C-alpha atoms as a PDB file:
ATOM      1  CA  MET A   1     137.324 163.167  82.438  1.00  0.00           C
ATOM      2  CA  LYS A   2     138.670 162.919  86.525  1.00  0.00           C
ATOM      3  CA  LYS A   3     136.439 161.557  89.405  1.00  0.00           C
ATOM      4  CA  VAL A   4     135.443 164.709  91.566  1.00  0.00           C
ATOM      5  CA  SER A   5     135.703 163.799  95.228  1.00  0.00           C
ATOM      6  CA  LYS A   6     132.704 163.713  97.542  1.00  0.00           C
ATOM      7  CA  PHE A   7     134.406 166.264  99.705  1.00  0.00           C
ATOM      8  CA  LEU A   8     135.287 168.240  96.953  1.00  0.00           C
ATOM      9  CA  MET A   9     131.443 167.815  95.544  1.00  0.00           C
ATOM     10  CA  ALA A  10     130.099 169.009  99.000  1.00  0.00           C
ATOM     11  CA  ILE A  11     131.969 172.500  98.641  1.00  0.00           C
ATOM     12  CA  LEU A  12     130.404 173.059  95.037  1.00  0.00           C
ATOM     13  CA  LEU A  13     127.215 171.783  95.850  1.00  0.00           C
ATOM     14  CA  CYS A  14     126.708 174.133  99.075  1.00  0.00           C
ATOM     15  CA  THR A  15     125.122 177.427  97.921  1.00  0.00           C
ATOM     16  CA  ASN A  16     122.567 177.282 100.354  1.00  0.00           C
ATOM     17  CA  ILE A  17     123.964 178.637 103.883  1.00  0.00           C
ATOM     18  CA  TYR A  18     120.947 177.719 105.330  1.00  0.00           C
ATOM     19  CA  ALA A  19     120.745 174.207 105.069  1.00  0.00           C
ATOM     20  CA  VAL A  20     123.108 171.724 106.976  1.00  0.00           C
ATOM     21  CA  ASN A  21     125.441 170.237 104.301  1.00  0.00           C
ATOM     22  CA  GLY A  22     124.539 166.801 104.875  1.00  0.00           C
ATOM     23  CA  VAL A  23     127.031 165.617 101.479  1.00  0.00           C
ATOM     24  CA  LEU A  24     129.801 166.591 103.617  1.00  0.00           C
ATOM     25  CA  ILE A  25     128.791 164.279 106.706  1.00  0.00           C
ATOM     26  CA  THR A  26     129.015 161.216 103.914  1.00  0.00           C
ATOM     27  CA  ALA A  27     132.243 162.644 101.811  1.00  0.00           C
ATOM     28  CA  ASP A  28     135.384 160.505 102.106  1.00  0.00           C
ATOM     29  CA  THR A  29     137.165 162.805 104.279  1.00  0.00           C
ATOM     30  CA  PHE A  30     136.717 165.875 106.952  1.00  0.00           C
ATOM     31  CA  PRO A  31     136.218 169.728 106.230  1.00  0.00           C
ATOM     32  CA  ASN A  32     139.039 171.798 108.217  1.00  0.00           C
ATOM     33  CA  LYS A  33     136.299 173.642 109.894  1.00  0.00           C
ATOM     34  CA  LEU A  34     133.160 172.967 111.781  1.00  0.00           C
ATOM     35  CA  SER A  35     131.149 175.694 110.047  1.00  0.00           C
ATOM     36  CA  ASP A  36     131.587 174.062 106.760  1.00  0.00           C
ATOM     37  CA  PHE A  37     128.580 171.363 107.693  1.00  0.00           C
ATOM     38  CA  SER A  38     126.364 174.669 108.471  1.00  0.00           C
ATOM     39  CA  PHE A  39     124.830 172.713 112.023  1.00  0.00           C
ATOM     40  CA  PHE A  40     124.400 175.859 113.808  1.00  0.00           C
ATOM     41  CA  LYS A  41     122.855 179.058 112.869  1.00  0.00           C
ATOM     42  CA  ASP A  42     125.457 181.327 115.048  1.00  0.00           C
ATOM     43  CA  ALA A  43     128.412 178.779 116.094  1.00  0.00           C
ATOM     44  CA  SER A  44     129.416 181.008 118.744  1.00  0.00           C
ATOM     45  CA  ALA A  45     126.370 181.155 120.728  1.00  0.00           C
ATOM     46  CA  GLN A  46     125.873 177.194 119.786  1.00  0.00           C
ATOM     47  CA  ILE A  47     122.154 178.308 118.227  1.00  0.00           C
ATOM     48  CA  PRO A  48     121.584 175.230 115.678  1.00  0.00           C
ATOM     49  CA  HIS A  49     119.962 175.082 112.257  1.00  0.00           C
ATOM     50  CA  ASP A  50     116.544 174.395 112.650  1.00  0.00           C
ATOM     51  CA  ASP A  51     116.728 170.751 111.693  1.00  0.00           C
ATOM     52  CA  VAL A  52     119.329 170.191 114.707  1.00  0.00           C
ATOM     53  CA  LEU A  53     117.589 169.187 117.123  1.00  0.00           C
ATOM     54  CA  PRO A  54     119.183 169.495 121.293  1.00  0.00           C
ATOM     55  CA  TYR A  55     118.921 166.470 123.072  1.00  0.00           C
ATOM     56  CA  GLU A  56     119.518 165.637 126.735  1.00  0.00           C
ATOM     57  CA  LEU A  57     120.717 162.908 128.752  1.00  0.00           C
ATOM     58  CA  ILE A  58     119.229 161.376 131.917  1.00  0.00           C
ATOM     59  CA  SER A  59     122.443 160.547 133.277  1.00  0.00           C
ATOM     60  CA  THR A  60     125.397 162.124 131.895  1.00  0.00           C
ATOM     61  CA  LEU A  61     129.132 161.039 131.208  1.00  0.00           C
ATOM     62  CA  PHE A  62     131.935 163.110 133.558  1.00  0.00           C
ATOM     63  CA  SER A  63     134.371 164.575 131.563  1.00  0.00           C
ATOM     64  CA  ASP A  64     136.468 166.663 133.882  1.00  0.00           C
ATOM     65  CA  TYR A  65     133.672 168.465 134.889  1.00  0.00           C
ATOM     66  CA  SER A  66     133.171 170.024 131.570  1.00  0.00           C
ATOM     67  CA  TYR A  67     129.499 171.032 130.239  1.00  0.00           C
ATOM     68  CA  LYS A  68     128.025 169.561 127.410  1.00  0.00           C
ATOM     69  CA  GLN A  69     125.521 170.586 124.796  1.00  0.00           C
ATOM     70  CA  ARG A  70     124.071 168.009 122.549  1.00  0.00           C
ATOM     71  CA  TRP A  71     122.539 167.686 119.116  1.00  0.00           C
ATOM     72  CA  VAL A  72     121.176 165.511 116.641  1.00  0.00           C
ATOM     73  CA  TYR A  73     120.763 165.796 112.761  1.00  0.00           C
ATOM     74  CA  VAL A  74     119.000 163.372 110.422  1.00  0.00           C
ATOM     75  CA  PRO A  75     118.048 163.277 106.816  1.00  0.00           C
ATOM     76  CA  LYS A  76     114.511 164.245 105.880  1.00  0.00           C
ATOM     77  CA  ASN A  77     112.836 161.823 104.431  1.00  0.00           C
ATOM     78  CA  THR A  78     114.506 158.957 107.031  1.00  0.00           C
ATOM     79  CA  LYS A  79     113.855 157.885 110.429  1.00  0.00           C
ATOM     80  CA  ALA A  80     116.050 156.150 113.166  1.00  0.00           C
ATOM     81  CA  GLN A  81     115.290 152.520 113.950  1.00  0.00           C
ATOM     82  CA  TYR A  82     114.573 151.722 117.624  1.00  0.00           C
ATOM     83  CA  LYS A  83     116.865 149.007 119.215  1.00  0.00           C
ATOM     84  CA  GLU A  84     116.300 147.413 122.202  1.00  0.00           C
ATOM     85  CA  ASP A  85     119.000 148.136 125.167  1.00  0.00           C
ATOM     86  CA  TRP A  86     121.108 149.961 122.408  1.00  0.00           C
ATOM     87  CA  VAL A  87     121.341 153.323 120.884  1.00  0.00           C
ATOM     88  CA  PHE A  88     119.114 154.111 117.908  1.00  0.00           C
ATOM     89  CA  ASP A  89     119.859 152.886 114.689  1.00  0.00           C
ATOM     90  CA  PHE A  90     120.586 155.793 112.738  1.00  0.00           C
ATOM     91  CA  PRO A  91     120.372 155.988 108.874  1.00  0.00           C
ATOM     92  CA  GLU A  92     123.137 156.876 106.758  1.00  0.00           C
ATOM     93  CA  GLY A  93     123.935 160.909 106.805  1.00  0.00           C
ATOM     94  CA  SER A  94     122.439 161.262 110.707  1.00  0.00           C
ATOM     95  CA  ALA A  95     124.909 163.338 112.909  1.00  0.00           C
ATOM     96  CA  LEU A  96     125.073 163.406 116.677  1.00  0.00           C
ATOM     97  CA  ILE A  97     126.966 166.754 117.578  1.00  0.00           C
ATOM     98  CA  LYS A  98     128.598 167.130 121.075  1.00  0.00           C
ATOM     99  CA  THR A  99     130.092 170.758 122.445  1.00  0.00           C
ATOM    100  CA  PHE A 100     131.977 170.543 125.247  1.00  0.00           C
ATOM    101  CA  TYR A 101     132.531 173.796 127.724  1.00  0.00           C
ATOM    102  CA  TYR A 102     133.564 175.494 130.682  1.00  0.00           C
ATOM    103  CA  PRO A 103     130.550 178.756 132.211  1.00  0.00           C
ATOM    104  CA  VAL A 104     132.916 181.502 132.884  1.00  0.00           C
ATOM    105  CA  ASP A 105     131.434 181.352 136.458  1.00  0.00           C
ATOM    106  CA  GLU A 106     129.073 178.667 137.343  1.00  0.00           C
ATOM    107  CA  ARG A 107     127.321 181.044 139.795  1.00  0.00           C
ATOM    108  CA  ASP A 108     126.402 183.496 136.789  1.00  0.00           C
ATOM    109  CA  PRO A 109     125.513 182.006 133.801  1.00  0.00           C
ATOM    110  CA  GLU A 110     125.053 185.299 131.809  1.00  0.00           C
ATOM    111  CA  LYS A 111     129.044 185.925 132.354  1.00  0.00           C
ATOM    112  CA  GLY A 112     129.628 183.107 129.332  1.00  0.00           C
ATOM    113  CA  LYS A 113     131.349 179.709 128.027  1.00  0.00           C
ATOM    114  CA  ASN A 114     134.340 178.978 127.189  1.00  0.00           C
ATOM    115  CA  LEU A 115     133.650 176.824 124.169  1.00  0.00           C
ATOM    116  CA  LEU A 116     136.784 173.795 124.285  1.00  0.00           C
ATOM    117  CA  GLU A 117     135.659 171.416 121.318  1.00  0.00           C
ATOM    118  CA  THR A 118     133.126 170.253 119.024  1.00  0.00           C
ATOM    119  CA  ARG A 119     132.871 166.448 118.743  1.00  0.00           C
ATOM    120  CA  LEU A 120     130.676 164.532 115.911  1.00  0.00           C
ATOM    121  CA  LEU A 121     130.001 161.287 114.671  1.00  0.00           C
ATOM    122  CA  LEU A 122     129.297 160.950 111.449  1.00  0.00           C
ATOM    123  CA  ARG A 123     127.211 158.578 109.669  1.00  0.00           C
ATOM    124  CA  LYS A 124     129.040 157.232 106.891  1.00  0.00           C
ATOM    125  CA  GLU A 125     127.638 154.532 104.261  1.00  0.00           C
ATOM    126  CA  ASP A 126     130.101 151.647 106.005  1.00  0.00           C
ATOM    127  CA  GLY A 127     129.379 152.965 109.557  1.00  0.00           C
ATOM    128  CA  TRP A 128     130.112 155.791 111.613  1.00  0.00           C
ATOM    129  CA  GLU A 129     133.314 158.097 112.087  1.00  0.00           C
ATOM    130  CA  ALA A 130     134.275 160.535 114.646  1.00  0.00           C
ATOM    131  CA  VAL A 131     136.242 163.857 114.316  1.00  0.00           C
ATOM    132  CA  SER A 132     136.926 166.294 117.216  1.00  0.00           C
ATOM    133  CA  TYR A 133     137.118 170.272 116.402  1.00  0.00           C
ATOM    134  CA  ALA A 134     138.490 172.519 118.556  1.00  0.00           C
ATOM    135  CA  TRP A 135     137.444 175.990 119.192  1.00  0.00           C
ATOM    136  CA  ASN A 136     139.702 178.998 118.520  1.00  0.00           C
ATOM    137  CA  GLU A 137     140.553 181.530 121.223  1.00  0.00           C
ATOM    138  CA  GLU A 138     137.951 184.123 119.505  1.00  0.00           C
ATOM    139  CA  GLN A 139     135.425 181.652 119.868  1.00  0.00           C
ATOM    140  CA  ASN A 140     133.891 181.989 116.433  1.00  0.00           C
ATOM    141  CA  GLU A 141     135.355 179.009 114.601  1.00  0.00           C
ATOM    142  CA  ALA A 142     136.385 175.194 115.500  1.00  0.00           C
ATOM    143  CA  PHE A 143     139.219 173.290 113.772  1.00  0.00           C
ATOM    144  CA  LYS A 144     139.650 169.905 112.803  1.00  0.00           C
ATOM    145  CA  LYS A 145     142.164 168.167 115.123  1.00  0.00           C
ATOM    146  CA  VAL A 146     142.794 164.709 114.177  1.00  0.00           C
ATOM    147  CA  ALA A 147     145.898 164.102 116.491  1.00  0.00           C
ATOM    148  CA  GLY A 148     144.454 165.916 119.206  1.00  0.00           C
ATOM    149  CA  LYS A 149     144.956 169.017 121.830  1.00  0.00           C
ATOM    150  CA  THR A 150     145.538 170.390 124.933  1.00  0.00           C
ATOM    151  CA  ILE A 151     143.923 173.175 126.386  1.00  0.00           C
ATOM    152  CA  ASN A 152     144.150 175.168 129.288  1.00  0.00           C
ATOM    153  CA  ALA A 153     141.172 175.954 131.119  1.00  0.00           C
ATOM    154  CA  ALA A 154     139.788 177.506 133.613  1.00  0.00           C
ATOM    155  CA  TRP A 155     136.626 178.643 135.373  1.00  0.00           C
ATOM    156  CA  THR A 156     135.408 179.415 138.957  1.00  0.00           C
ATOM    157  CA  ASP A 157     132.763 176.948 140.262  1.00  0.00           C
ATOM    158  CA  PHE A 158     129.542 177.399 142.531  1.00  0.00           C
ATOM    159  CA  THR A 159     132.046 177.890 145.348  1.00  0.00           C
ATOM    160  CA  GLY A 160     133.526 180.827 143.972  1.00  0.00           C
ATOM    161  CA  VAL A 161     136.665 179.060 144.175  1.00  0.00           C
ATOM    162  CA  GLU A 162     138.739 179.007 140.980  1.00  0.00           C
ATOM    163  CA  LYS A 163     139.236 175.624 139.104  1.00  0.00           C
ATOM    164  CA  ASN A 164     142.092 174.975 136.101  1.00  0.00           C
ATOM    165  CA  VAL A 165     142.406 171.521 134.295  1.00  0.00           C
ATOM    166  CA  ARG A 166     144.393 170.406 131.166  1.00  0.00           C
ATOM    167  CA  TYR A 167     141.659 169.378 128.739  1.00  0.00           C
ATOM    168  CA  ARG A 168     142.415 167.160 125.925  1.00  0.00           C
ATOM    169  CA  VAL A 169     140.934 166.877 122.872  1.00  0.00           C
ATOM    170  CA  PRO A 170     140.873 163.380 121.794  1.00  0.00           C
ATOM    171  CA  ASN A 171     142.948 162.030 118.673  1.00  0.00           C
ATOM    172  CA  VAL A 172     141.276 159.753 116.468  1.00  0.00           C
ATOM    173  CA  ASN A 173     142.338 156.676 118.700  1.00  0.00           C
ATOM    174  CA  GLN A 174     141.159 157.584 121.712  1.00  0.00           C
ATOM    175  CA  CYS A 175     137.740 158.215 120.260  1.00  0.00           C
ATOM    176  CA  LYS A 176     137.300 154.739 119.591  1.00  0.00           C
ATOM    177  CA  GLU A 177     138.701 153.649 122.829  1.00  0.00           C
ATOM    178  CA  CYS A 178     134.918 154.657 124.174  1.00  0.00           C
ATOM    179  CA  HIS A 179     133.484 154.874 120.848  1.00  0.00           C
ATOM    180  CA  ALA A 180     133.626 151.182 120.060  1.00  0.00           C
ATOM    181  CA  ALA A 181     131.512 147.771 119.844  1.00  0.00           C
ATOM    182  CA  ASP A 182     132.420 144.659 118.396  1.00  0.00           C
ATOM    183  CA  ASP A 183     135.537 146.535 116.989  1.00  0.00           C
ATOM    184  CA  GLU A 184     133.381 149.243 115.499  1.00  0.00           C
ATOM    185  CA  ILE A 185     132.506 152.537 115.841  1.00  0.00           C
ATOM    186  CA  THR A 186     129.312 153.681 117.198  1.00  0.00           C
ATOM    187  CA  PRO A 187     127.493 156.009 119.445  1.00  0.00           C
ATOM    188  CA  ILE A 188     127.215 155.480 123.266  1.00  0.00           C
ATOM    189  CA  GLY A 189     124.547 157.900 124.509  1.00  0.00           C
ATOM    190  CA  PRO A 190     121.307 157.824 122.429  1.00  0.00           C
ATOM    191  CA  LYS A 191     119.892 155.056 123.980  1.00  0.00           C
ATOM    192  CA  ALA A 192     115.717 155.398 123.807  1.00  0.00           C
ATOM    193  CA  ARG A 193     116.022 154.929 127.664  1.00  0.00           C
ATOM    194  CA  ASN A 194     118.794 157.669 128.158  1.00  0.00           C
ATOM    195  CA  ILE A 195     116.871 160.345 126.424  1.00  0.00           C
ATOM    196  CA  ASN A 196     113.370 159.479 128.194  1.00  0.00           C
ATOM    197  CA  LYS A 197     112.651 163.010 129.616  1.00  0.00           C
ATOM    198  CA  ASP A 198     111.641 166.079 129.132  1.00  0.00           C
ATOM    199  CA  LEU A 199     113.161 168.694 127.809  1.00  0.00           C
ATOM    200  CA  GLU A 200     112.523 172.588 126.917  1.00  0.00           C
ATOM    201  CA  PHE A 201     112.632 172.954 122.948  1.00  0.00           C
ATOM    202  CA  LYS A 202     111.677 176.521 121.225  1.00  0.00           C
ATOM    203  CA  ASP A 203     108.185 175.524 121.005  1.00  0.00           C
ATOM    204  CA  GLY A 204     107.653 173.976 124.482  1.00  0.00           C
ATOM    205  CA  GLU A 205     108.726 171.398 127.135  1.00  0.00           C
ATOM    206  CA  PHE A 206     108.305 168.000 125.752  1.00  0.00           C
ATOM    207  CA  ASN A 207     109.077 164.437 126.253  1.00  0.00           C
ATOM    208  CA  GLN A 208     112.469 163.796 124.170  1.00  0.00           C
ATOM    209  CA  LEU A 209     111.083 160.653 122.514  1.00  0.00           C
ATOM    210  CA  ALA A 210     107.718 162.233 121.658  1.00  0.00           C
ATOM    211  CA  TYR A 211     108.854 164.979 120.609  1.00  0.00           C
ATOM    212  CA  TRP A 212     111.514 163.597 117.755  1.00  0.00           C
ATOM    213  CA  MET A 213     108.405 161.333 116.997  1.00  0.00           C
ATOM    214  CA  ASN A 214     106.676 164.084 116.370  1.00  0.00           C
ATOM    215  CA  ARG A 215     109.711 165.671 114.399  1.00  0.00           C
ATOM    216  CA  GLN A 216     109.603 161.985 112.501  1.00  0.00           C
ATOM    217  CA  ILE A 217     113.286 161.240 113.072  1.00  0.00           C
ATOM    218  CA  ILE A 218     112.361 158.582 114.901  1.00  0.00           C
ATOM    219  CA  ASP A 219     109.929 155.088 114.065  1.00  0.00           C
ATOM    220  CA  GLU A 220     108.445 154.326 117.557  1.00  0.00           C
ATOM    221  CA  TYR A 221     109.865 153.154 120.712  1.00  0.00           C
ATOM    222  CA  PRO A 222     108.309 151.545 123.697  1.00  0.00           C
ATOM    223  CA  LEU A 223     106.444 153.069 125.875  1.00  0.00           C
ATOM    224  CA  GLU A 224     107.658 150.958 128.617  1.00  0.00           C
ATOM    225  CA  LEU A 225     111.213 151.663 129.684  1.00  0.00           C
ATOM    226  CA  THR A 226     113.545 150.741 132.086  1.00  0.00           C
ATOM    227  CA  SER A 227     115.734 154.335 132.175  1.00  0.00           C
ATOM    228  CA  PRO A 228     118.067 155.176 134.535  1.00  0.00           C
ATOM    229  CA  VAL A 229     118.300 158.390 137.220  1.00  0.00           C
ATOM    230  CA  ASP A 230     120.048 161.249 137.136  1.00  0.00           C
ATOM    231  CA  TRP A 231     122.867 159.904 139.703  1.00  0.00           C
ATOM    232  CA  THR A 232     123.192 163.741 140.858  1.00  0.00           C
ATOM    233  CA  ASP A 233     119.256 163.524 142.191  1.00  0.00           C
ATOM    234  CA  THR A 234     119.791 162.664 146.095  1.00  0.00           C
ATOM    235  CA  ASN A 235     116.086 161.727 146.244  1.00  0.00           C
ATOM    236  CA  GLN A 236     116.905 158.825 144.330  1.00  0.00           C
ATOM    237  CA  ASP A 237     117.594 155.598 145.846  1.00  0.00           C
ATOM    238  CA  ILE A 238     121.298 155.077 146.096  1.00  0.00           C
ATOM    239  CA  ASN A 239     121.768 151.944 144.270  1.00  0.00           C
ATOM    240  CA  ASP A 240     119.447 153.456 141.485  1.00  0.00           C
ATOM    241  CA  ARG A 241     121.751 156.387 141.285  1.00  0.00           C
ATOM    242  CA  VAL A 242     125.348 154.461 141.086  1.00  0.00           C
ATOM    243  CA  ARG A 243     123.898 151.834 138.936  1.00  0.00           C
ATOM    244  CA  SER A 244     123.048 155.023 136.230  1.00  0.00           C
ATOM    245  CA  TYR A 245     126.411 156.187 137.283  1.00  0.00           C
ATOM    246  CA  LEU A 246     128.566 153.568 136.370  1.00  0.00           C
ATOM    247  CA  ASP A 247     126.191 152.517 132.903  1.00  0.00           C
ATOM    248  CA  ILE A 248     126.705 155.920 131.516  1.00  0.00           C
ATOM    249  CA  ASN A 249     130.930 156.699 132.624  1.00  0.00           C
ATOM    250  CA  CYS A 250     131.573 152.473 132.572  1.00  0.00           C
ATOM    251  CA  GLY A 251     128.867 150.373 130.731  1.00  0.00           C
ATOM    252  CA  HIS A 252     129.934 151.191 127.592  1.00  0.00           C
ATOM    253  CA  CYS A 253     132.962 149.519 127.340  1.00  0.00           C
ATOM    254  CA  HIS A 254     132.319 147.256 130.249  1.00  0.00           C
ATOM    255  CA  SER A 255     129.810 144.803 128.541  1.00  0.00           C
ATOM    256  CA  PRO A 256     129.775 142.250 127.158  1.00  0.00           C
ATOM    257  CA  THR A 257     130.198 143.856 123.312  1.00  0.00           C
ATOM    258  CA  GLY A 258     132.470 146.570 124.601  1.00  0.00           C
ATOM    259  CA  ASN A 259     136.835 146.930 124.777  1.00  0.00           C
ATOM    260  CA  ALA A 260     136.641 145.731 127.920  1.00  0.00           C
ATOM    261  CA  ASN A 261     134.365 142.352 127.521  1.00  0.00           C
ATOM    262  CA  SER A 262     137.375 140.272 128.585  1.00  0.00           C
ATOM    263  CA  THR A 263     137.641 141.438 131.935  1.00  0.00           C
ATOM    264  CA  GLY A 264     133.742 139.902 132.795  1.00  0.00           C
ATOM    265  CA  LEU A 265     133.022 143.243 134.897  1.00  0.00           C
ATOM    266  CA  TYR A 266     130.242 144.127 132.976  1.00  0.00           C
ATOM    267  CA  LEU A 267     128.574 147.704 134.476  1.00  0.00           C
ATOM    268  CA  HIS A 268     126.179 148.518 131.946  1.00  0.00           C
ATOM    269  CA  LEU A 269     122.073 149.074 133.385  1.00  0.00           C
ATOM    270  CA  ASN A 270     120.675 145.475 132.938  1.00  0.00           C
ATOM    271  CA  GLU A 271     123.342 143.509 134.277  1.00  0.00           C
ATOM    272  CA  SER A 272     122.414 141.840 137.409  1.00  0.00           C
ATOM    273  CA  ARG A 273     124.467 138.758 138.203  1.00  0.00           C
ATOM    274  CA  GLU A 274     126.546 139.955 141.184  1.00  0.00           C
ATOM    275  CA  THR A 275     129.696 138.410 139.746  1.00  0.00           C
ATOM    276  CA  HIS A 276     129.347 140.102 136.680  1.00  0.00           C
ATOM    277  CA  LEU A 277     128.875 143.576 138.698  1.00  0.00           C
ATOM    278  CA  GLY A 278     132.069 143.117 140.512  1.00  0.00           C
ATOM    279  CA  ILE A 279     130.486 141.873 144.267  1.00  0.00           C
ATOM    280  CA  TYR A 280     133.654 139.299 145.045  1.00  0.00           C
ATOM    281  CA  LYS A 281     134.552 139.215 141.732  1.00  0.00           C
ATOM    282  CA  LYS A 282     138.883 138.334 140.872  1.00  0.00           C
ATOM    283  CA  PRO A 283     140.479 140.613 138.624  1.00  0.00           C
ATOM    284  CA  VAL A 284     141.400 138.642 135.422  1.00  0.00           C
ATOM    285  CA  ALA A 285     145.020 140.350 134.796  1.00  0.00           C
ATOM    286  CA  THR A 286     147.035 140.992 138.150  1.00  0.00           C
ATOM    287  CA  GLY A 287     149.064 143.951 138.599  1.00  0.00           C
ATOM    288  CA  ARG A 288     149.643 147.345 139.486  1.00  0.00           C
ATOM    289  CA  GLY A 289     145.497 148.242 138.999  1.00  0.00           C
ATOM    290  CA  SER A 290     144.501 146.150 141.183  1.00  0.00           C
ATOM    291  CA  GLY A 291     146.459 148.474 144.160  1.00  0.00           C
ATOM    292  CA  GLY A 292     147.228 144.682 145.493  1.00  0.00           C
ATOM    293  CA  MET A 293     143.436 144.373 146.244  1.00  0.00           C
ATOM    294  CA  LYS A 294     141.574 140.836 145.588  1.00  0.00           C
ATOM    295  CA  TYR A 295     138.340 141.814 144.224  1.00  0.00           C
ATOM    296  CA  SER A 296     136.840 144.541 142.259  1.00  0.00           C
ATOM    297  CA  ILE A 297     134.143 145.368 144.820  1.00  0.00           C
ATOM    298  CA  VAL A 298     133.361 144.206 148.735  1.00  0.00           C
ATOM    299  CA  PRO A 299     130.928 145.289 150.347  1.00  0.00           C
ATOM    300  CA  GLY A 300     131.061 147.253 153.403  1.00  0.00           C
ATOM    301  CA  LYS A 301     134.443 147.251 152.030  1.00  0.00           C
ATOM    302  CA  PRO A 302     135.091 150.294 150.057  1.00  0.00           C
ATOM    303  CA  GLU A 303     138.819 150.540 150.942  1.00  0.00           C
ATOM    304  CA  GLU A 304     139.389 147.198 149.896  1.00  0.00           C
ATOM    305  CA  SER A 305     137.441 147.755 146.410  1.00  0.00           C
ATOM    306  CA  ILE A 306     139.743 147.984 143.210  1.00  0.00           C
ATOM    307  CA  LEU A 307     136.634 149.484 141.587  1.00  0.00           C
ATOM    308  CA  LEU A 308     136.766 152.604 143.796  1.00  0.00           C
ATOM    309  CA  HIS A 309     140.607 152.723 143.753  1.00  0.00           C
ATOM    310  CA  ARG A 310     140.906 152.689 139.780  1.00  0.00           C
ATOM    311  CA  MET A 311     138.164 156.224 140.359  1.00  0.00           C
ATOM    312  CA  ILE A 312     140.334 157.675 142.908  1.00  0.00           C
ATOM    313  CA  SER A 313     143.507 157.470 141.363  1.00  0.00           C
ATOM    314  CA  MET A 314     145.478 159.596 138.932  1.00  0.00           C
ATOM    315  CA  ASP A 315     148.022 157.234 137.722  1.00  0.00           C
ATOM    316  CA  PRO A 316     147.607 156.984 134.262  1.00  0.00           C
ATOM    317  CA  GLY A 317     148.674 152.756 134.539  1.00  0.00           C
ATOM    318  CA  VAL A 318     145.708 152.377 137.288  1.00  0.00           C
ATOM    319  CA  MET A 319     142.685 154.750 136.684  1.00  0.00           C
ATOM    320  CA  MET A 320     139.522 154.255 135.210  1.00  0.00           C
ATOM    321  CA  PRO A 321     138.576 155.074 132.432  1.00  0.00           C
ATOM    322  CA  GLU A 322     142.078 155.025 131.342  1.00  0.00           C
ATOM    323  CA  SER A 323     141.745 158.468 129.303  1.00  0.00           C
ATOM    324  CA  GLY A 324     139.287 161.287 129.097  1.00  0.00           C
ATOM    325  CA  ARG A 325     139.912 162.435 132.223  1.00  0.00           C
ATOM    326  CA  ALA A 326     142.370 164.534 133.980  1.00  0.00           C
ATOM    327  CA  LEU A 327     140.579 164.618 137.215  1.00  0.00           C
ATOM    328  CA  THR A 328     139.300 162.894 139.767  1.00  0.00           C
ATOM    329  CA  HIS A 329     135.470 162.532 139.743  1.00  0.00           C
ATOM    330  CA  GLN A 330     135.124 163.633 143.938  1.00  0.00           C
ATOM    331  CA  GLU A 331     131.293 163.580 144.042  1.00  0.00           C
ATOM    332  CA  ALA A 332     130.720 160.116 142.132  1.00  0.00           C
ATOM    333  CA  VAL A 333     133.762 158.792 144.311  1.00  0.00           C
ATOM    334  CA  GLU A 334     131.705 159.587 147.365  1.00  0.00           C
ATOM    335  CA  MET A 335     128.401 158.287 146.582  1.00  0.00           C
ATOM    336  CA  VAL A 336     129.769 154.870 145.562  1.00  0.00           C
ATOM    337  CA  LYS A 337     132.131 155.019 148.490  1.00  0.00           C
ATOM    338  CA  ASP A 338     128.482 154.797 150.673  1.00  0.00           C
ATOM    339  CA  TRP A 339     127.141 152.746 148.114  1.00  0.00           C
ATOM    340  CA  ILE A 340     129.241 149.641 149.441  1.00  0.00           C
ATOM    341  CA  LEU A 341     129.379 150.792 152.863  1.00  0.00           C
ATOM    342  CA  LEU A 342     125.775 149.962 152.325  1.00  0.00           C
ATOM    343  CA  LEU A 343     126.199 146.756 150.545  1.00  0.00           C
ATOM    344  CA  LYS A 344     125.355 143.660 151.976  1.00  0.00           C
ATOM    345  CA  ASP A 345     127.853 140.567 152.740  1.00  0.00           C
END
C-alpha cells in the first residue's frame, strides 16, 4: 500500500471544523490556504479559535508602520519551557501566528482593516519552519506565497494624511534573514521578558505570563524579570526606550548567535559593554554602509554615527535592516538622534 503523506493525512482527518488542525502544523508541506489550519473561527474578523491565544509584545518591530496581531497555539497537554534570555522552548505542534495590516483610517478604527499577510512559525519535528500567507482582495482568505509578494497598500494616518507603501510579503529566504540563530530558524518575540505586560483577554485583563500559566501552555517563569519598556512611551527614560527599540529591531541579528554576530555590534537588551554597543566601535568591514564614517556611535555626534546613518538610509546597500522595510522610521530616527546627543564622551 502506498504511504500516505502527513499533508494528505491531515486533509483526510480534518473533519472537525471547530478544532485547530494540529496534523497540518507538523505535516511535511504547507497547505495553499491559511483557513486549512482552522486557527480562526472568523478569519476576516481575525477572531481566533478558543485554543489560539492573543499576545502582545512590550516593544514591537517596525514594519513600515503596519499594525500586527499575534497569537500562539500550543497543543493540549503540552507546555512551552522557559529559557533565560531566549524565547520559550515550544513543543512540537505549536504555532506562532502574526497578521500584518493597515487600518483604513488610524483616526477611526470602526472603518476597518486592510489585511496584508499572516505569517506562521510552525514547530515541526525537526524545528521551526516559516511560511507566509497573503490576503486576497475580498479579505476572506489568505494564500501561501513561497516566493513573496508586493502589495500596494494605503492608509490614512492620525493627521489625516494618506500614506502609501509598496509592502513586501517576504519569501522563504527573507524569513531566514531575521528568524535565525546558530543557522536555525527561531522565533524572535515571545521571550518571557517581552510579554511581561497586562493584556485584555475575553475573560478579563491579566498579565500575559500569568494567563499563559493559568491556561497551562507554559511550565514556569521567574517572578523577577528584566523587561524592556515600550519605546513609544515618552515618560520612560530615553536610554531604556532606545535600548528596548534596538533590542527588538536589531538585537536578534546583532547578537553572539545572530546572523550579524561577526560584526561585534551587539544590540540585544542584556549587552553592557560599550564597544559592543557601538560606542567608538569601528565597523568590521568598511564600504558604502559606513557612509565614510569611522564609528557606529560617536557620543554627542549623531551626524557622525554609522548606526543612525543606516537607520535613515533607503539605499538597499546601506540601510538597516537590509530587508523588511520600504520606509524610514522617522520617530525612531529622532529618538536615537536625541539619545546620541545625550551620550557623554
